[in-house]
Protein backbone atom coordinates (compact mmCIF):
# COMPACT_ATOMS: atom_id res chain seq x y z
CA MET A 1 -137.41 -55.78 -16.83
CA THR A 2 -134.71 -58.10 -17.93
CA GLU A 3 -131.87 -58.80 -15.60
CA LYS A 4 -128.35 -58.27 -16.79
CA LYS A 5 -126.18 -61.30 -16.44
CA LYS A 6 -122.77 -60.81 -15.02
CA PRO A 7 -120.09 -62.20 -17.27
CA THR A 8 -118.48 -65.25 -15.82
CA THR A 9 -114.75 -65.22 -15.82
CA LYS A 10 -112.93 -68.48 -16.00
CA ASN A 11 -109.22 -68.70 -15.73
CA THR A 12 -108.50 -71.08 -18.58
CA ARG A 13 -104.74 -70.71 -18.30
CA PRO A 14 -102.90 -72.82 -15.77
CA ALA A 15 -101.31 -71.05 -12.84
CA LYS A 16 -97.93 -69.61 -13.71
CA ALA A 17 -95.12 -71.54 -12.06
CA PRO A 18 -92.36 -69.46 -10.53
CA ALA A 19 -89.46 -68.93 -12.88
CA LYS A 20 -86.34 -70.86 -11.99
CA ALA A 21 -83.17 -68.95 -11.43
CA LEU A 22 -79.79 -69.36 -13.10
CA LYS A 23 -76.40 -68.52 -11.63
CA ILE A 24 -74.22 -66.83 -14.24
CA THR A 25 -70.48 -66.37 -13.67
CA LEU A 26 -68.18 -64.34 -15.90
CA THR A 27 -65.21 -66.65 -16.51
CA ARG A 28 -63.40 -64.94 -19.39
CA SER A 29 -62.64 -61.32 -20.11
CA PRO A 30 -64.73 -59.54 -22.75
CA ILE A 31 -61.61 -57.64 -23.86
CA GLY A 32 -61.07 -58.36 -27.55
CA THR A 33 -64.71 -59.27 -28.19
CA THR A 34 -67.24 -57.26 -30.16
CA TYR A 35 -69.10 -54.28 -28.77
CA ARG A 36 -72.32 -56.31 -28.79
CA HIS A 37 -70.77 -59.01 -26.62
CA LYS A 38 -69.50 -56.41 -24.15
CA ALA A 39 -72.94 -54.77 -24.03
CA THR A 40 -74.59 -58.15 -23.41
CA ILE A 41 -72.22 -58.90 -20.52
CA ILE A 42 -73.06 -55.53 -18.95
CA ALA A 43 -76.79 -56.12 -19.49
CA LEU A 44 -76.46 -59.42 -17.62
CA GLY A 45 -75.16 -57.43 -14.65
CA LEU A 46 -71.60 -58.72 -14.85
CA ARG A 47 -68.68 -56.34 -14.35
CA HIS A 48 -65.71 -58.39 -13.11
CA ILE A 49 -64.22 -61.80 -13.83
CA ASN A 50 -65.49 -64.47 -11.39
CA GLN A 51 -68.48 -62.29 -10.48
CA THR A 52 -71.69 -64.30 -10.14
CA VAL A 53 -75.26 -63.03 -10.55
CA GLU A 54 -78.63 -64.75 -10.32
CA GLN A 55 -81.19 -64.11 -13.03
CA ALA A 56 -84.65 -65.54 -13.67
CA ASP A 57 -84.66 -68.12 -16.46
CA THR A 58 -86.47 -66.48 -19.40
CA PRO A 59 -86.25 -66.88 -23.18
CA GLN A 60 -84.63 -63.43 -23.40
CA LEU A 61 -81.92 -64.44 -20.94
CA ARG A 62 -81.33 -67.71 -22.81
CA GLY A 63 -80.75 -65.72 -26.01
CA MET A 64 -78.24 -63.46 -24.28
CA LEU A 65 -76.42 -66.49 -22.87
CA ALA A 66 -76.29 -68.10 -26.30
CA LYS A 67 -74.53 -65.00 -27.61
CA VAL A 68 -71.85 -64.87 -24.89
CA GLY A 69 -71.74 -68.53 -23.87
CA HIS A 70 -68.00 -68.69 -24.48
CA LEU A 71 -67.41 -66.02 -21.80
CA VAL A 72 -69.70 -67.25 -19.02
CA HIS A 73 -70.45 -70.34 -16.96
CA VAL A 74 -74.14 -71.06 -16.29
CA GLU A 75 -75.63 -73.34 -13.65
CA ALA A 76 -79.03 -73.76 -12.03
CA ALA A 77 -79.47 -71.90 -8.77
CA ALA A 78 -79.87 -74.53 -6.07
CA GLY A 79 -83.06 -74.22 -4.07
CA LYS A 80 -83.80 -70.60 -4.88
CA GLU A 81 -86.66 -69.62 -7.13
CA LYS A 82 -87.64 -66.12 -8.13
CA SER A 83 -91.21 -65.22 -8.95
CA GLY A 84 -91.64 -63.38 -12.22
């Protein structure tokens, strides 16, 4: 009888590096902005002025920050990395 060969699996992709974190601070009030801007601020986890949250740096987060960049201050989180 013929022997069945086990398929060899090679991981051709490089190991995924942990995503870096960003510190996002709400610096201006969303009052007077569009509904979409207010919804984006809430989706970022921000509720109050001067509140700071840490989020993993992803393309989706970068798009949200581009939309409300005039309301928030963004900086790299020092020394802390979150795994995705």
